[in-house]
């Protein structure tokens, strides 16, 4: 990703909440995916965000390679000046960080974003300095849209939807079953199943 030019398209008009009717197909047996999904290159999305920051006269530092407990809960730290960036490299003083940026590259023009784990903790801790950059790149390479959300946890109620992540392997209420298709049992036993 090289240098970029930036066009401010303004504030997004919030979309009304949709009622989604789900169609469920019982026992689908198909080897073909229902919909081909375009994979987004996270490095490209982060590099586009870095170029955007440079164009806006900030000094970004890519940190997405730092994972686990030591991570900052985001992909990019951005600084107001080169002096702040250099001082941070010397002493890791988080007060020097202007923006904690989580980059979400998406293959669709619209859609929601989930924050959890370190990302959620960082958004809670850094509030107005935490940003989400949702990047959508059109089919023709070189043109992309960047939607910026500052302090995402303080968005309007309609923009936030609580989610719960449940790990069934950490609950005493979970029950494990082994389920095998009858066709598969017949093949393994060489006969019919009563």
C-alpha atoms as a PDB file:
ATOM      1  CA  UNK A   1       0.000   0.000   0.000  1.00  0.00           C
ATOM      2  CA  UNK A   2       1.416   3.321  -1.052  1.00  0.00           C
ATOM      3  CA  UNK A   3       0.358   6.856  -0.265  1.00  0.00           C
ATOM      4  CA  UNK A   4      -3.361   7.582  -0.278  1.00  0.00           C
ATOM      5  CA  UNK A   5      -5.670  10.501  -0.839  1.00  0.00           C
ATOM      6  CA  UNK A   6      -8.528  11.105   1.578  1.00  0.00           C
ATOM      7  CA  UNK A   7     -12.052  12.395   0.941  1.00  0.00           C
ATOM      8  CA  UNK A   8     -14.228  13.132   3.981  1.00  0.00           C
ATOM      9  CA  UNK A   9     -17.717  11.828   3.173  1.00  0.00           C
ATOM     10  CA  UNK A  10     -19.150  13.018   6.501  1.00  0.00           C
ATOM     11  CA  UNK A  11     -21.190  11.479   9.255  1.00  0.00           C
ATOM     12  CA  UNK A  12     -23.105   8.301   8.448  1.00  0.00           C
ATOM     13  CA  UNK A  13     -26.873   8.372   8.814  1.00  0.00           C
ATOM     14  CA  UNK A  14     -27.688   5.463  11.139  1.00  0.00           C
ATOM     15  CA  UNK A  15     -29.664   2.693   9.480  1.00  0.00           C
ATOM     16  CA  UNK A  16     -32.949   1.656  11.107  1.00  0.00           C
ATOM     17  CA  UNK A  17     -32.821  -1.630  12.959  1.00  0.00           C
ATOM     18  CA  UNK A  18     -33.901  -4.457  10.659  1.00  0.00           C
ATOM     19  CA  UNK A  19     -36.124  -7.353  11.566  1.00  0.00           C
ATOM     20  CA  UNK A  20     -34.430 -10.431  10.166  1.00  0.00           C
ATOM     21  CA  UNK A  21     -36.453 -13.502   9.343  1.00  0.00           C
ATOM     22  CA  UNK A  22     -34.198 -16.522   9.272  1.00  0.00           C
ATOM     23  CA  UNK A  23     -34.852 -19.408   6.953  1.00  0.00           C
ATOM     24  CA  UNK A  24     -33.613 -22.696   8.322  1.00  0.00           C
ATOM     25  CA  UNK A  25     -33.114 -25.790   6.223  1.00  0.00           C
ATOM     26  CA  UNK A  26     -33.291 -28.950   8.302  1.00  0.00           C
ATOM     27  CA  UNK A  27     -30.604 -31.556   7.712  1.00  0.00           C
ATOM     28  CA  UNK A  28     -28.960 -29.932   4.675  1.00  0.00           C
ATOM     29  CA  UNK A  29     -26.692 -32.342   2.829  1.00  0.00           C
ATOM     30  CA  UNK A  30     -24.544 -30.403   0.428  1.00  0.00           C
ATOM     31  CA  UNK A  31     -20.871 -30.049  -0.286  1.00  0.00           C
ATOM     32  CA  UNK A  32     -21.269 -26.615  -1.869  1.00  0.00           C
ATOM     33  CA  UNK A  33     -21.222 -23.495   0.256  1.00  0.00           C
ATOM     34  CA  UNK A  34     -24.457 -21.490   0.356  1.00  0.00           C
ATOM     35  CA  UNK A  35     -22.598 -18.311  -0.538  1.00  0.00           C
ATOM     36  CA  UNK A  36     -19.008 -17.782  -1.612  1.00  0.00           C
ATOM     37  CA  UNK A  37     -17.376 -15.450   0.918  1.00  0.00           C
ATOM     38  CA  UNK A  38     -14.643 -13.066  -0.121  1.00  0.00           C
ATOM     39  CA  UNK A  39     -11.719 -13.196   2.289  1.00  0.00           C
ATOM     40  CA  UNK A  40     -10.320  -9.873   3.488  1.00  0.00           C
ATOM     41  CA  UNK A  41      -6.576  -9.492   3.896  1.00  0.00           C
ATOM     42  CA  UNK A  42      -6.121  -8.057   7.429  1.00  0.00           C
ATOM     43  CA  UNK A  43      -2.581  -6.816   6.688  1.00  0.00           C
ATOM     44  CA  UNK A  44      -3.845  -4.834   3.701  1.00  0.00           C
ATOM     45  CA  UNK A  45      -6.654  -3.297   5.789  1.00  0.00           C
ATOM     46  CA  UNK A  46      -4.151  -2.308   8.513  1.00  0.00           C
ATOM     47  CA  UNK A  47      -1.754  -0.855   5.931  1.00  0.00           C
ATOM     48  CA  UNK A  48      -4.585   1.199   4.402  1.00  0.00           C
ATOM     49  CA  UNK A  49      -5.399   2.520   7.908  1.00  0.00           C
ATOM     50  CA  UNK A  50      -1.737   3.412   8.449  1.00  0.00           C
ATOM     51  CA  UNK A  51      -1.646   5.358   5.183  1.00  0.00           C
ATOM     52  CA  UNK A  52      -4.853   7.127   6.192  1.00  0.00           C
ATOM     53  CA  UNK A  53      -3.262   8.151   9.508  1.00  0.00           C
ATOM     54  CA  UNK A  54      -0.186   9.502   7.699  1.00  0.00           C
ATOM     55  CA  UNK A  55      -2.405  11.481   5.326  1.00  0.00           C
ATOM     56  CA  UNK A  56      -4.119  12.981   8.392  1.00  0.00           C
ATOM     57  CA  UNK A  57      -0.664  14.064   9.703  1.00  0.00           C
ATOM     58  CA  UNK A  58      -0.514  11.577  12.584  1.00  0.00           C
ATOM     59  CA  UNK A  59       2.312   9.140  13.309  1.00  0.00           C
ATOM     60  CA  UNK A  60       1.024   5.529  13.342  1.00  0.00           C
ATOM     61  CA  UNK A  61       2.764   2.463  14.742  1.00  0.00           C
ATOM     62  CA  UNK A  62       1.501  -1.002  13.740  1.00  0.00           C
ATOM     63  CA  UNK A  63       1.263  -3.281  16.784  1.00  0.00           C
ATOM     64  CA  UNK A  64      -1.115  -6.039  15.632  1.00  0.00           C
ATOM     65  CA  UNK A  65       1.728  -8.569  15.921  1.00  0.00           C
ATOM     66  CA  UNK A  66       1.675  -8.161  19.734  1.00  0.00           C
ATOM     67  CA  UNK A  67      -0.852 -10.667  21.063  1.00  0.00           C
ATOM     68  CA  UNK A  68      -2.017 -12.081  24.357  1.00  0.00           C
ATOM     69  CA  UNK A  69      -1.779 -10.428  27.758  1.00  0.00           C
ATOM     70  CA  UNK A  70       0.922  -7.965  26.600  1.00  0.00           C
ATOM     71  CA  UNK A  71      -1.168  -6.616  23.728  1.00  0.00           C
ATOM     72  CA  UNK A  72      -2.688  -3.138  23.598  1.00  0.00           C
ATOM     73  CA  UNK A  73      -6.067  -4.501  22.453  1.00  0.00           C
ATOM     74  CA  UNK A  74      -5.843  -2.850  19.052  1.00  0.00           C
ATOM     75  CA  UNK A  75      -3.912  -2.981  15.775  1.00  0.00           C
ATOM     76  CA  UNK A  76      -2.381   0.500  15.564  1.00  0.00           C
ATOM     77  CA  UNK A  77      -1.229   3.143  18.024  1.00  0.00           C
ATOM     78  CA  UNK A  78      -1.262   6.639  16.560  1.00  0.00           C
ATOM     79  CA  UNK A  79       0.549   9.722  17.865  1.00  0.00           C
ATOM     80  CA  UNK A  80       0.133  13.459  17.305  1.00  0.00           C
ATOM     81  CA  UNK A  81       3.845  13.980  16.626  1.00  0.00           C
ATOM     82  CA  UNK A  82       7.103  12.209  15.847  1.00  0.00           C
ATOM     83  CA  UNK A  83       8.368  13.328  19.291  1.00  0.00           C
ATOM     84  CA  UNK A  84       5.460  11.557  21.030  1.00  0.00           C
ATOM     85  CA  UNK A  85       6.087   8.397  18.995  1.00  0.00           C
ATOM     86  CA  UNK A  86       9.812   8.378  19.841  1.00  0.00           C
ATOM     87  CA  UNK A  87       9.135   9.073  23.528  1.00  0.00           C
ATOM     88  CA  UNK A  88       6.643   6.182  23.603  1.00  0.00           C
ATOM     89  CA  UNK A  89       9.232   3.841  22.090  1.00  0.00           C
ATOM     90  CA  UNK A  90      11.544   4.758  24.973  1.00  0.00           C
ATOM     91  CA  UNK A  91       9.147   4.419  27.924  1.00  0.00           C
ATOM     92  CA  UNK A  92       5.760   2.946  26.779  1.00  0.00           C
ATOM     93  CA  UNK A  93       3.877   5.883  28.332  1.00  0.00           C
ATOM     94  CA  UNK A  94       0.262   5.316  27.211  1.00  0.00           C
ATOM     95  CA  UNK A  95      -0.628   8.961  27.848  1.00  0.00           C
ATOM     96  CA  UNK A  96       1.379   9.797  24.698  1.00  0.00           C
ATOM     97  CA  UNK A  97      -0.971   7.739  22.504  1.00  0.00           C
ATOM     98  CA  UNK A  98      -3.491   9.891  20.626  1.00  0.00           C
ATOM     99  CA  UNK A  99      -5.477   6.968  19.163  1.00  0.00           C
ATOM    100  CA  UNK A 100      -5.824   3.262  19.910  1.00  0.00           C
ATOM    101  CA  UNK A 101      -7.085   1.967  16.551  1.00  0.00           C
ATOM    102  CA  UNK A 102      -8.761  -1.384  15.956  1.00  0.00           C
ATOM    103  CA  UNK A 103      -8.932  -2.124  12.219  1.00  0.00           C
ATOM    104  CA  UNK A 104     -11.724  -4.288  10.831  1.00  0.00           C
ATOM    105  CA  UNK A 105     -11.439  -5.142   7.151  1.00  0.00           C
ATOM    106  CA  UNK A 106     -14.727  -6.279   5.644  1.00  0.00           C
ATOM    107  CA  UNK A 107     -15.799  -7.690   2.290  1.00  0.00           C
ATOM    108  CA  UNK A 108     -19.271  -6.145   2.544  1.00  0.00           C
ATOM    109  CA  UNK A 109     -20.118  -2.469   2.400  1.00  0.00           C
ATOM    110  CA  UNK A 110     -22.349  -2.539   5.507  1.00  0.00           C
ATOM    111  CA  UNK A 111     -22.389  -4.633   8.653  1.00  0.00           C
ATOM    112  CA  UNK A 112     -21.602  -4.702  12.341  1.00  0.00           C
ATOM    113  CA  UNK A 113     -18.381  -5.214  14.261  1.00  0.00           C
ATOM    114  CA  UNK A 114     -17.783  -7.312  17.356  1.00  0.00           C
ATOM    115  CA  UNK A 115     -15.389  -6.306  20.117  1.00  0.00           C
ATOM    116  CA  UNK A 116     -14.390  -8.889  22.707  1.00  0.00           C
ATOM    117  CA  UNK A 117     -11.454  -9.860  24.880  1.00  0.00           C
ATOM    118  CA  UNK A 118      -8.492  -7.465  24.762  1.00  0.00           C
ATOM    119  CA  UNK A 119     -10.212  -5.237  22.184  1.00  0.00           C
ATOM    120  CA  UNK A 120     -13.227  -4.745  24.450  1.00  0.00           C
ATOM    121  CA  UNK A 121     -11.017  -4.080  27.491  1.00  0.00           C
ATOM    122  CA  UNK A 122      -9.032  -1.514  25.508  1.00  0.00           C
ATOM    123  CA  UNK A 123     -12.235   0.228  24.334  1.00  0.00           C
ATOM    124  CA  UNK A 124     -13.426   0.366  27.956  1.00  0.00           C
ATOM    125  CA  UNK A 125     -10.093   1.661  29.275  1.00  0.00           C
ATOM    126  CA  UNK A 126      -9.259   4.251  26.599  1.00  0.00           C
ATOM    127  CA  UNK A 127     -12.809   5.435  25.766  1.00  0.00           C
ATOM    128  CA  UNK A 128     -12.503   8.630  23.656  1.00  0.00           C
ATOM    129  CA  UNK A 129      -9.009   7.629  22.461  1.00  0.00           C
ATOM    130  CA  UNK A 130     -10.226   4.239  21.161  1.00  0.00           C
ATOM    131  CA  UNK A 131     -11.259   4.130  17.493  1.00  0.00           C
ATOM    132  CA  UNK A 132     -12.593   1.483  15.171  1.00  0.00           C
ATOM    133  CA  UNK A 133     -11.646   1.846  11.513  1.00  0.00           C
ATOM    134  CA  UNK A 134     -13.943  -0.345   9.437  1.00  0.00           C
ATOM    135  CA  UNK A 135     -12.406  -0.699   5.991  1.00  0.00           C
ATOM    136  CA  UNK A 136     -14.261  -1.880   2.930  1.00  0.00           C
ATOM    137  CA  UNK A 137     -12.328  -2.161  -0.298  1.00  0.00           C
ATOM    138  CA  UNK A 138     -14.303  -2.162  -3.511  1.00  0.00           C
ATOM    139  CA  UNK A 139     -13.665  -4.761  -6.211  1.00  0.00           C
ATOM    140  CA  UNK A 140     -11.526  -2.298  -8.142  1.00  0.00           C
ATOM    141  CA  UNK A 141      -8.300  -2.144  -6.173  1.00  0.00           C
ATOM    142  CA  UNK A 142      -7.154   1.217  -4.868  1.00  0.00           C
ATOM    143  CA  UNK A 143     -10.525   2.619  -3.782  1.00  0.00           C
ATOM    144  CA  UNK A 144     -11.695   1.920  -0.268  1.00  0.00           C
ATOM    145  CA  UNK A 145     -14.067   3.283   2.338  1.00  0.00           C
ATOM    146  CA  UNK A 146     -12.992   3.885   5.896  1.00  0.00           C
ATOM    147  CA  UNK A 147     -15.733   4.320   8.477  1.00  0.00           C
ATOM    148  CA  UNK A 148     -14.353   5.708  11.737  1.00  0.00           C
ATOM    149  CA  UNK A 149     -16.074   5.261  15.102  1.00  0.00           C
ATOM    150  CA  UNK A 150     -14.664   7.109  18.092  1.00  0.00           C
ATOM    151  CA  UNK A 151     -15.415   5.692  21.597  1.00  0.00           C
ATOM    152  CA  UNK A 152     -17.622   2.918  20.151  1.00  0.00           C
ATOM    153  CA  UNK A 153     -19.009   1.830  23.519  1.00  0.00           C
ATOM    154  CA  UNK A 154     -20.702   5.214  23.931  1.00  0.00           C
ATOM    155  CA  UNK A 155     -22.625   4.944  20.635  1.00  0.00           C
ATOM    156  CA  UNK A 156     -26.374   5.441  20.484  1.00  0.00           C
ATOM    157  CA  UNK A 157     -28.412   2.573  21.922  1.00  0.00           C
ATOM    158  CA  UNK A 158     -29.576   1.470  18.438  1.00  0.00           C
ATOM    159  CA  UNK A 159     -25.955   1.054  17.306  1.00  0.00           C
ATOM    160  CA  UNK A 160     -25.022  -1.263  20.192  1.00  0.00           C
ATOM    161  CA  UNK A 161     -26.199  -4.820  20.574  1.00  0.00           C
ATOM    162  CA  UNK A 162     -24.929  -6.805  23.561  1.00  0.00           C
ATOM    163  CA  UNK A 163     -23.490 -10.221  22.760  1.00  0.00           C
ATOM    164  CA  UNK A 164     -22.626 -13.101  25.008  1.00  0.00           C
ATOM    165  CA  UNK A 165     -19.827 -15.505  24.247  1.00  0.00           C
ATOM    166  CA  UNK A 166     -20.473 -18.857  25.857  1.00  0.00           C
ATOM    167  CA  UNK A 167     -17.861 -21.568  26.119  1.00  0.00           C
ATOM    168  CA  UNK A 168     -19.756 -24.832  26.661  1.00  0.00           C
ATOM    169  CA  UNK A 169     -16.521 -26.555  27.664  1.00  0.00           C
ATOM    170  CA  UNK A 170     -16.297 -24.363  30.779  1.00  0.00           C
ATOM    171  CA  UNK A 171     -19.792 -25.065  32.092  1.00  0.00           C
ATOM    172  CA  UNK A 172     -20.916 -27.920  34.347  1.00  0.00           C
ATOM    173  CA  UNK A 173     -24.346 -27.651  32.670  1.00  0.00           C
ATOM    174  CA  UNK A 174     -22.989 -28.835  29.303  1.00  0.00           C
ATOM    175  CA  UNK A 175     -23.718 -32.341  28.059  1.00  0.00           C
ATOM    176  CA  UNK A 176     -21.724 -34.013  25.265  1.00  0.00           C
ATOM    177  CA  UNK A 177     -23.335 -36.301  22.707  1.00  0.00           C
ATOM    178  CA  UNK A 178     -21.812 -38.191  19.811  1.00  0.00           C
ATOM    179  CA  UNK A 179     -24.091 -38.096  16.796  1.00  0.00           C
ATOM    180  CA  UNK A 180     -23.467 -40.039  13.621  1.00  0.00           C
ATOM    181  CA  UNK A 181     -25.596 -40.181  10.486  1.00  0.00           C
ATOM    182  CA  UNK A 182     -27.277 -43.525   9.840  1.00  0.00           C
ATOM    183  CA  UNK A 183     -25.861 -43.667   6.313  1.00  0.00           C
ATOM    184  CA  UNK A 184     -22.374 -43.450   7.801  1.00  0.00           C
ATOM    185  CA  UNK A 185     -23.091 -46.249  10.341  1.00  0.00           C
ATOM    186  CA  UNK A 186     -24.310 -48.531   7.539  1.00  0.00           C
ATOM    187  CA  UNK A 187     -21.128 -47.913   5.574  1.00  0.00           C
ATOM    188  CA  UNK A 188     -18.959 -48.647   8.620  1.00  0.00           C
ATOM    189  CA  UNK A 189     -20.843 -51.862   9.544  1.00  0.00           C
ATOM    190  CA  UNK A 190     -21.546 -53.047   5.999  1.00  0.00           C
ATOM    191  CA  UNK A 191     -25.240 -53.608   6.692  1.00  0.00           C
ATOM    192  CA  UNK A 192     -28.498 -51.971   7.628  1.00  0.00           C
ATOM    193  CA  UNK A 193     -29.354 -50.267  10.877  1.00  0.00           C
ATOM    194  CA  UNK A 194     -32.513 -51.458  12.647  1.00  0.00           C
END
